[in-house]
Amino acid sequence: MRRFLPAAFGVAVLLSAAGLILWLRTEPGTAPEPVSGQPVRIDLTEPEPIAPPPAPAGPATVEVPGTAGRIMPVAAPESAVLTAEGERLVLDFARRTGTEALLIWQGGALQLEFYGAATQPFDRLDGRGLQAGLLTLLAGQAVRDGYIPSLEDPVVRWIGEWKDDPRGRITLRQLLQGTSGLDLPAGEPVMDDTLARTLSAPLAAAPETRFAPNLMEMQVLGLVLARAAGQPLPTYLSERLWQPLGARTAEMRLGADGTPVLTCCFAATPRDWLRIGLLLLEGGAVAGQPLVSTPWVDDVQRPTPWSRNDGTRVRLAWPFDPKGPLQASAAFREPDTVFLTGDGGQRIYVARGADLVILRLGAEVERWDEAELPNLVARHLEVQQARPRKAGGDLSGIELPPITTPPPIPSVEAVPLDAPAAE
């Protein structure tokens, strides 16, 4: 046995050497001839790469094109209008409420700019509900462009999927004012088919039988605006509002089907969120040039028949009622204040009489006091009012609703949801 192993090993070595010599003498592209004498061709070309399996579809973001950023004047330290004590208190407020960005504009310049430790000035921050005010302004542009003939038109004009559906009778005005009766679909949001989710919004009440503004109405409004304008919503928003504002590029969430997700996820730099407040402050103008029609800007700031403190996606600080809808511990020092609201303390406050705009973005505050921040700022401004007050507290050129006789709730005919639409 011991003699056999070396001998077998030697034979294997000889056979391997012979095979190597035979392979070296073989022409490229052929194999050694088999016993049959027929050569076998070998394909030496590179094989086609195997494509990886497609990635599962999911939500994505799309840019809303902006500009290089219109110059925003910043007040010099020696001309700041916020007192040293006021600045200290405002910064303390920002830190204890988990604020990511707090900007104060007054007198034609940025007076204070605070950012949290993890935030930079050009970071894009989600407004978390502030997009409702942005879409309301864009709706005004669509009316001005002729894409929307009337706010009394039913949405079925653009949402053919709701033909013979009671939801088709909802008007654009009802969507904007929060009286559509629509609710969010049940369950967690699914981003793979945003259009289907939009069209599945249930009608919980007959239109104009309740006042309950929600972001699902903005989701439907966005679909109407895109179809009415005949172009993707990010494109229309960019061309008719975002770029003319002088804002930098923003981001909008898309579902996997390419439909914008408007119940959340619109991100822009803090200075660009502030520009929306400046647009309201200037009556729809940017740098003195008209952008959104002044009548539209004025109209969205008028009380609706449903609430004395609510315009069209804009809240109104006056009249102040301790038992009213505004969660505020005190009356506003600037009674002409209006403001846009997002989740848990995302706010844009605008006080035209004081030439004041305040932006706050950051962590959700469970019990947000609407008057605390604007009153803190107003108490510590070292300037005279930008517009003289009239007797009785009204501001020049601004009509405020009377506090003694609130507008009555209009009578509403509750049409059954399954009733056919009137001809």
Protein backbone atom coordinates (compact mmCIF):
# COMPACT_ATOMS: atom_id res chain seq x y z
CA MET A 1 0.00 0.00 0.00
CA ARG A 2 2.83 2.38 0.83
CA ARG A 3 4.48 1.71 -2.53
CA PHE A 4 1.23 2.23 -4.43
CA LEU A 5 0.54 5.80 -3.26
CA PRO A 6 3.77 7.38 -4.62
CA ALA A 7 3.32 5.55 -7.90
CA ALA A 8 -0.28 6.74 -8.27
CA PHE A 9 0.77 10.25 -7.43
CA GLY A 10 3.42 10.14 -10.18
CA VAL A 11 0.96 8.93 -12.76
CA ALA A 12 -1.44 11.79 -11.84
CA VAL A 13 1.34 14.34 -12.27
CA LEU A 14 2.24 12.99 -15.70
CA LEU A 15 -1.36 13.05 -16.85
CA SER A 16 -1.79 16.65 -15.64
CA ALA A 17 1.35 17.74 -17.47
CA ALA A 18 0.19 16.10 -20.68
CA GLY A 19 -3.18 17.83 -20.38
CA LEU A 20 -1.47 21.20 -19.89
CA ILE A 21 0.70 20.72 -23.03
CA LEU A 22 -2.36 19.72 -25.05
CA TRP A 23 -4.28 22.84 -23.83
CA LEU A 24 -1.41 25.14 -24.76
CA ARG A 25 -1.30 23.73 -28.30
CA THR A 26 -5.02 24.19 -28.81
CA GLU A 27 -6.08 27.12 -30.99
CA PRO A 28 -7.77 29.95 -29.16
CA GLY A 29 -11.48 29.53 -29.13
CA THR A 30 -11.42 25.72 -29.43
CA ALA A 31 -11.25 22.86 -26.99
CA PRO A 32 -9.17 19.70 -27.33
CA GLU A 33 -10.67 17.43 -29.94
CA PRO A 34 -12.92 14.80 -28.47
CA VAL A 35 -12.72 11.19 -29.47
CA SER A 36 -15.12 11.86 -32.35
CA GLY A 37 -12.59 14.24 -33.91
CA GLN A 38 -15.09 17.19 -34.04
CA PRO A 39 -13.78 20.42 -32.37
CA VAL A 40 -16.04 22.12 -29.82
CA ARG A 41 -16.18 25.94 -30.05
CA ILE A 42 -15.94 27.96 -26.83
CA ASP A 43 -17.64 31.39 -26.72
CA LEU A 44 -15.04 33.79 -25.32
CA THR A 45 -17.24 36.94 -25.55
CA GLU A 46 -18.17 38.74 -22.34
CA PRO A 47 -21.56 37.63 -21.04
CA GLU A 48 -24.32 40.23 -20.81
CA PRO A 49 -24.54 41.65 -17.28
CA ILE A 50 -27.55 40.45 -15.34
CA ALA A 51 -29.79 43.36 -14.50
CA PRO A 52 -30.57 43.65 -10.79
CA PRO A 53 -34.21 43.18 -9.85
CA PRO A 54 -36.18 46.45 -9.88
CA ALA A 55 -36.27 48.22 -6.56
CA PRO A 56 -39.68 48.21 -4.93
CA ALA A 57 -41.65 51.37 -5.62
CA GLY A 58 -41.95 53.76 -2.74
CA PRO A 59 -42.41 57.42 -1.84
CA ALA A 60 -39.94 59.93 -3.21
CA THR A 61 -39.38 63.66 -3.18
CA VAL A 62 -39.50 66.07 -6.08
CA GLU A 63 -38.01 69.52 -6.20
CA VAL A 64 -40.17 72.59 -6.52
CA PRO A 65 -37.75 74.77 -8.52
CA GLY A 66 -36.90 78.09 -6.97
CA THR A 67 -34.40 80.86 -7.55
CA ALA A 68 -30.99 81.71 -6.16
CA GLY A 69 -32.91 83.39 -3.34
CA ARG A 70 -34.12 86.98 -3.33
CA ILE A 71 -32.01 89.13 -1.02
CA MET A 72 -33.64 89.46 2.40
CA PRO A 73 -32.55 92.61 4.26
CA VAL A 74 -31.07 91.96 7.70
CA ALA A 75 -31.09 94.68 10.34
CA ALA A 76 -27.70 95.91 11.54
CA PRO A 77 -27.08 95.28 15.27
CA GLU A 78 -27.14 99.01 16.06
CA SER A 79 -30.56 99.42 14.40
CA ALA A 80 -32.26 96.36 15.89
CA VAL A 81 -35.75 97.09 17.19
CA LEU A 82 -36.00 94.22 19.68
CA THR A 83 -34.79 95.17 23.16
CA ALA A 84 -31.94 93.22 24.74
CA GLU A 85 -34.37 91.87 27.34
CA GLY A 86 -36.82 90.96 24.59
CA GLU A 87 -34.16 89.11 22.63
CA ARG A 88 -33.14 87.17 25.74
CA LEU A 89 -36.75 86.15 26.44
CA VAL A 90 -37.44 85.20 22.82
CA LEU A 91 -34.33 83.01 22.67
CA ASP A 92 -35.29 81.40 25.98
CA PHE A 93 -38.75 80.69 24.53
CA ALA A 94 -37.17 79.13 21.43
CA ARG A 95 -34.90 76.83 23.41
CA ARG A 96 -37.47 75.60 25.91
CA THR A 97 -40.01 74.80 23.18
CA GLY A 98 -37.59 72.78 21.02
CA THR A 99 -37.63 75.36 18.24
CA GLU A 100 -35.59 74.60 15.12
CA ALA A 101 -36.02 78.02 13.50
CA LEU A 102 -37.47 81.29 14.79
CA LEU A 103 -37.36 84.39 12.56
CA ILE A 104 -38.68 87.88 13.32
CA TRP A 105 -39.22 90.46 10.58
CA GLN A 106 -40.10 94.04 11.43
CA GLY A 107 -39.70 97.39 9.75
CA GLY A 108 -38.50 96.04 6.42
CA ALA A 109 -35.69 93.84 7.74
CA LEU A 110 -34.95 90.55 9.48
CA GLN A 111 -34.49 91.49 13.13
CA LEU A 112 -33.76 88.11 14.69
CA GLU A 113 -32.83 84.72 13.30
CA PHE A 114 -32.51 81.75 15.68
CA TYR A 115 -31.62 78.17 14.71
CA GLY A 116 -31.45 75.08 16.89
CA ALA A 117 -28.21 73.21 17.39
CA ALA A 118 -28.97 70.72 14.60
CA THR A 119 -30.34 73.27 12.09
CA GLN A 120 -28.58 75.43 9.52
CA PRO A 121 -30.12 78.49 7.81
CA PHE A 122 -30.43 76.77 4.43
CA ASP A 123 -31.80 73.47 5.71
CA ARG A 124 -35.18 72.57 4.28
CA LEU A 125 -37.67 72.16 7.12
CA ASP A 126 -41.08 70.53 6.85
CA GLY A 127 -43.85 73.04 7.54
CA ARG A 128 -46.06 70.19 8.80
CA GLY A 129 -49.38 71.77 7.83
CA LEU A 130 -48.30 75.24 6.72
CA GLN A 131 -48.66 74.04 3.12
CA ALA A 132 -52.43 74.62 3.48
CA GLY A 133 -51.86 78.37 3.37
CA LEU A 134 -49.52 77.98 0.42
CA LEU A 135 -52.09 76.00 -1.57
CA THR A 136 -54.77 78.58 -0.73
CA LEU A 137 -52.62 81.30 -2.28
CA LEU A 138 -51.98 79.08 -5.30
CA ALA A 139 -55.74 78.59 -5.70
CA GLY A 140 -56.00 82.36 -6.01
CA GLN A 141 -53.48 82.22 -8.85
CA ALA A 142 -55.52 79.52 -10.58
CA VAL A 143 -58.61 81.74 -10.38
CA ARG A 144 -56.60 84.66 -11.76
CA ASP A 145 -55.24 82.49 -14.59
CA GLY A 146 -58.74 81.40 -15.56
CA TYR A 147 -58.14 77.73 -14.78
CA ILE A 148 -60.86 77.90 -12.11
CA PRO A 149 -63.85 79.88 -13.40
CA SER A 150 -65.65 79.99 -10.04
CA LEU A 151 -65.17 78.75 -6.48
CA GLU A 152 -68.76 77.57 -6.63
CA ASP A 153 -67.89 74.99 -9.31
CA PRO A 154 -68.19 71.36 -8.14
CA VAL A 155 -64.99 69.32 -8.07
CA VAL A 156 -66.50 66.74 -10.43
CA ARG A 157 -65.54 69.17 -13.20
CA TRP A 158 -61.94 68.03 -12.66
CA ILE A 159 -62.37 64.76 -10.77
CA GLY A 160 -64.31 62.63 -13.20
CA GLU A 161 -63.81 59.61 -10.95
CA TRP A 162 -66.47 61.12 -8.67
CA LYS A 163 -69.16 61.28 -11.34
CA ASP A 164 -72.45 60.04 -9.88
CA ASP A 165 -70.76 60.23 -6.46
CA PRO A 166 -72.04 62.68 -3.80
CA ARG A 167 -68.47 63.87 -3.29
CA GLY A 168 -68.52 65.28 -6.79
CA ARG A 169 -70.93 67.97 -5.62
CA ILE A 170 -68.38 69.47 -3.20
CA THR A 171 -67.40 72.96 -4.33
CA LEU A 172 -63.94 74.48 -4.33
CA ARG A 173 -65.05 77.06 -1.78
CA GLN A 174 -66.11 74.27 0.57
CA LEU A 175 -62.71 72.60 0.16
CA LEU A 176 -60.91 75.85 0.93
CA GLN A 177 -63.06 76.84 3.90
CA GLY A 178 -63.16 73.41 5.53
CA THR A 179 -66.86 72.64 5.08
CA SER A 180 -66.59 69.86 2.49
CA GLY A 181 -67.50 67.06 4.89
CA LEU A 182 -64.48 65.01 3.76
CA ASP A 183 -62.38 63.04 6.23
CA LEU A 184 -59.04 61.28 6.09
CA PRO A 185 -59.28 57.66 4.89
CA ALA A 186 -59.05 55.07 7.63
CA GLY A 187 -55.70 53.44 8.42
CA GLU A 188 -52.14 54.58 8.07
CA PRO A 189 -51.18 56.49 4.90
CA VAL A 190 -49.96 54.18 2.12
CA MET A 191 -47.64 55.92 -0.28
CA ASP A 192 -47.74 53.41 -3.14
CA ASP A 193 -50.95 54.77 -4.69
CA THR A 194 -51.59 58.28 -3.45
CA LEU A 195 -54.20 59.00 -6.10
CA ALA A 196 -56.30 56.03 -5.00
CA ARG A 197 -56.00 57.14 -1.38
CA THR A 198 -57.06 60.66 -2.35
CA LEU A 199 -60.10 59.38 -4.19
CA SER A 200 -61.01 57.13 -1.24
CA ALA A 201 -61.51 60.07 1.16
CA PRO A 202 -64.84 59.36 2.85
CA LEU A 203 -67.66 61.87 3.04
CA ALA A 204 -68.47 61.93 6.74
CA ALA A 205 -71.05 64.73 6.54
CA ALA A 206 -73.03 66.46 3.87
CA PRO A 207 -71.15 69.51 2.51
CA GLU A 208 -71.70 72.69 4.56
CA THR A 209 -73.24 70.88 7.52
CA ARG A 210 -70.05 71.03 9.59
CA PHE A 211 -66.89 73.16 9.90
CA ALA A 212 -63.83 70.90 10.26
CA PRO A 213 -60.85 71.99 8.13
CA ASN A 214 -58.40 69.17 7.47
CA LEU A 215 -55.47 68.45 5.19
CA MET A 216 -57.38 65.84 3.18
CA GLU A 217 -59.27 68.76 1.67
CA MET A 218 -55.91 70.23 0.63
CA GLN A 219 -54.99 66.86 -0.92
CA VAL A 220 -58.12 66.99 -3.07
CA LEU A 221 -57.53 70.68 -3.84
CA GLY A 222 -54.03 69.87 -5.08
CA LEU A 223 -55.44 67.28 -7.47
CA VAL A 224 -57.95 69.84 -8.78
CA LEU A 225 -55.27 72.51 -9.26
CA ALA A 226 -52.98 70.17 -11.20
CA ARG A 227 -55.75 68.97 -13.49
CA ALA A 228 -57.18 72.46 -13.98
CA ALA A 229 -53.76 73.89 -14.90
CA GLY A 230 -52.92 70.86 -17.06
CA GLN A 231 -49.46 70.42 -15.52
CA PRO A 232 -47.85 68.76 -12.52
CA LEU A 233 -48.56 70.58 -9.29
CA PRO A 234 -44.84 71.16 -8.43
CA THR A 235 -44.38 72.84 -11.82
CA TYR A 236 -47.44 75.08 -11.48
CA LEU A 237 -46.56 75.99 -7.90
CA SER A 238 -43.01 76.85 -8.91
CA GLU A 239 -43.96 79.02 -11.88
CA ARG A 240 -46.90 80.91 -10.39
CA LEU A 241 -45.87 81.35 -6.79
CA TRP A 242 -42.62 79.88 -5.51
CA GLN A 243 -40.13 81.39 -7.96
CA PRO A 244 -41.87 84.81 -8.07
CA LEU A 245 -41.62 84.86 -4.27
CA GLY A 246 -37.84 84.73 -4.69
CA ALA A 247 -37.69 81.46 -2.76
CA ARG A 248 -35.01 78.81 -3.08
CA THR A 249 -35.82 75.32 -4.33
CA ALA A 250 -38.16 73.40 -2.02
CA GLU A 251 -39.15 69.75 -1.76
CA MET A 252 -42.51 68.04 -2.07
CA ARG A 253 -43.28 64.39 -1.27
CA LEU A 254 -44.61 62.16 -4.06
CA GLY A 255 -46.28 58.81 -3.75
CA ALA A 256 -44.94 55.91 -5.77
CA ASP A 257 -47.56 56.70 -8.43
CA GLY A 258 -46.20 60.24 -8.82
CA THR A 259 -49.11 61.98 -7.08
CA PRO A 260 -48.09 64.73 -4.62
CA VAL A 261 -48.66 63.98 -0.94
CA LEU A 262 -50.15 67.21 0.39
CA THR A 263 -51.25 66.05 3.82
CA CYS A 264 -47.61 66.40 4.85
CA CYS A 265 -44.06 66.79 3.71
CA PHE A 266 -43.47 70.15 2.06
CA ALA A 267 -40.00 71.31 3.04
CA ALA A 268 -38.42 74.74 2.50
CA THR A 269 -35.78 76.92 4.15
CA PRO A 270 -37.02 78.99 7.10
CA ARG A 271 -36.45 82.25 5.21
CA ASP A 272 -38.63 80.96 2.39
CA TRP A 273 -41.42 80.00 4.79
CA LEU A 274 -41.14 83.56 6.10
CA ARG A 275 -41.74 84.90 2.57
CA ILE A 276 -45.30 83.57 2.71
CA GLY A 277 -45.92 85.79 5.72
CA LEU A 278 -44.33 88.73 3.91
CA LEU A 279 -46.69 88.14 1.00
CA LEU A 280 -49.66 88.50 3.36
CA LEU A 281 -48.06 91.52 5.01
CA GLU A 282 -47.69 93.28 1.65
CA GLY A 283 -51.17 92.48 0.41
CA GLY A 284 -50.01 89.99 -2.22
CA ALA A 285 -46.99 91.97 -3.50
CA VAL A 286 -43.31 91.02 -3.60
CA ALA A 287 -40.75 93.84 -3.57
CA GLY A 288 -43.53 96.21 -4.53
CA GLN A 289 -44.65 94.13 -7.51
CA PRO A 290 -48.12 92.47 -7.46
CA LEU A 291 -48.04 88.69 -7.36
CA VAL A 292 -51.28 87.41 -5.80
CA SER A 293 -54.28 89.66 -6.33
CA THR A 294 -54.99 91.92 -3.36
CA PRO A 295 -58.72 91.07 -3.34
CA TRP A 296 -57.83 87.38 -2.95
CA VAL A 297 -55.38 88.09 -0.11
CA ASP A 298 -57.96 90.27 1.61
CA ASP A 299 -60.73 87.73 1.13
CA VAL A 300 -58.85 84.82 2.73
CA GLN A 301 -58.37 87.00 5.83
CA ARG A 302 -62.08 87.73 6.29
CA PRO A 303 -64.10 85.68 8.79
CA THR A 304 -66.13 82.90 7.23
CA PRO A 305 -69.76 82.38 8.25
CA TRP A 306 -68.59 79.35 10.23
CA SER A 307 -66.13 80.93 12.64
CA ARG A 308 -65.40 84.48 13.72
CA ASN A 309 -61.71 83.62 14.14
CA ASP A 310 -61.21 81.73 10.90
CA GLY A 311 -60.71 83.02 7.41
CA THR A 312 -59.83 80.73 4.51
CA ARG A 313 -57.01 78.62 5.99
CA VAL A 314 -55.95 81.73 7.91
CA ARG A 315 -56.75 82.25 11.60
CA LEU A 316 -57.73 85.64 12.99
CA ALA A 317 -56.63 86.98 16.38
CA TRP A 318 -59.51 89.40 16.88
CA PRO A 319 -62.08 89.47 18.30
CA PHE A 320 -60.72 87.66 21.35
CA ASP A 321 -63.08 85.44 23.29
CA PRO A 322 -61.58 83.46 26.20
CA LYS A 323 -64.10 80.71 25.45
CA GLY A 324 -63.67 80.96 21.68
CA PRO A 325 -61.85 78.68 19.25
CA LEU A 326 -58.40 80.22 19.74
CA GLN A 327 -56.33 78.50 22.41
CA ALA A 328 -54.81 81.68 23.86
CA SER A 329 -54.35 82.70 27.47
CA ALA A 330 -54.70 86.41 26.69
CA ALA A 331 -55.82 88.76 23.96
CA PHE A 332 -53.31 89.57 21.23
CA ARG A 333 -51.43 92.86 21.73
CA GLU A 334 -51.70 93.39 17.97
CA PRO A 335 -55.40 92.72 17.34
CA ASP A 336 -55.04 92.68 13.55
CA THR A 337 -52.76 89.61 13.78
CA VAL A 338 -53.52 86.76 11.38
CA PHE A 339 -51.62 83.51 11.29
CA LEU A 340 -51.08 80.26 9.41
CA THR A 341 -51.03 77.11 11.51
CA GLY A 342 -49.31 73.74 11.30
CA ASP A 343 -49.03 70.83 13.69
CA GLY A 344 -48.15 71.61 17.29
CA GLY A 345 -46.70 75.09 16.98
CA GLN A 346 -45.63 75.50 13.34
CA ARG A 347 -46.73 79.12 12.87
CA ILE A 348 -46.47 82.19 10.67
CA TYR A 349 -47.83 85.27 12.48
CA VAL A 350 -48.51 88.48 10.54
CA ALA A 351 -49.44 91.82 12.17
CA ARG A 352 -49.83 94.49 9.50
CA GLY A 353 -50.28 97.31 11.97
CA ALA A 354 -46.88 96.59 13.52
CA ASP A 355 -45.25 95.66 10.19
CA LEU A 356 -44.38 92.37 11.88
CA VAL A 357 -43.95 88.76 10.72
CA ILE A 358 -42.90 85.90 13.02
CA LEU A 359 -42.03 82.37 11.89
CA ARG A 360 -41.66 79.45 14.26
CA LEU A 361 -40.78 75.87 13.20
CA GLY A 362 -39.79 73.06 15.52
CA ALA A 363 -40.86 70.34 17.90
CA GLU A 364 -44.54 69.90 18.55
CA VAL A 365 -45.81 71.70 21.64
CA GLU A 366 -48.76 69.90 23.11
CA ARG A 367 -50.59 72.98 24.44
CA TRP A 368 -49.53 75.80 22.18
CA ASP A 369 -50.61 79.21 23.47
CA GLU A 370 -51.42 81.21 20.34
CA ALA A 371 -50.77 84.61 21.91
CA GLU A 372 -47.60 83.86 23.90
CA LEU A 373 -44.95 84.28 21.20
CA PRO A 374 -46.47 87.21 19.26
CA ASN A 375 -47.22 89.06 22.51
CA LEU A 376 -43.70 88.46 23.80
CA VAL A 377 -42.25 90.01 20.65
CA ALA A 378 -44.74 92.89 20.52
CA ARG A 379 -44.04 93.87 24.14
CA HIS A 380 -40.34 94.34 23.44
CA LEU A 381 -40.35 96.25 20.15
CA GLU A 382 -38.72 99.68 20.45
CA VAL A 383 -40.66 101.20 17.56
CA GLN A 384 -43.83 103.14 16.97
CA GLN A 385 -46.67 101.40 15.23
CA ALA A 386 -46.17 101.29 11.48
CA ARG A 387 -49.77 102.35 10.89
CA PRO A 388 -51.62 104.74 13.21
CA ARG A 389 -54.48 103.33 15.18
CA LYS A 390 -57.94 104.81 15.04
CA ALA A 391 -60.18 105.36 18.00
CA GLY A 392 -61.70 102.11 19.14
CA GLY A 393 -58.61 100.06 18.34
CA ASP A 394 -59.20 99.50 14.63
CA LEU A 395 -56.27 99.84 12.25
CA SER A 396 -56.25 102.26 9.36
CA GLY A 397 -57.62 100.58 6.26
CA ILE A 398 -58.42 97.30 8.03
CA GLU A 399 -61.99 96.42 8.92
CA LEU A 400 -62.42 94.05 11.82
CA PRO A 401 -65.65 92.17 12.57
CA PRO A 402 -67.77 93.45 15.47
CA ILE A 403 -67.34 91.57 18.69
CA THR A 404 -70.89 92.04 19.93
CA THR A 405 -72.87 90.36 17.13
CA PRO A 406 -71.07 87.41 15.55
CA PRO A 407 -72.15 86.42 12.05
CA PRO A 408 -74.96 83.86 12.20
CA ILE A 409 -74.38 80.32 11.03
CA PRO A 410 -76.10 80.04 7.64
CA SER A 411 -79.06 77.73 7.26
CA VAL A 412 -77.99 74.57 5.48
CA GLU A 413 -80.05 71.95 3.75
CA ALA A 414 -78.57 68.57 4.64
CA VAL A 415 -78.95 66.67 1.37
CA PRO A 416 -78.68 62.89 1.86
CA LEU A 417 -75.38 61.58 0.61
CA ASP A 418 -77.02 59.16 -1.78
CA ALA A 419 -79.37 61.73 -3.30
CA PRO A 420 -78.82 62.55 -6.99
CA ALA A 421 -77.19 65.86 -7.79
CA ALA A 422 -79.52 68.68 -8.75
CA GLU A 423 -79.66 69.45 -12.44
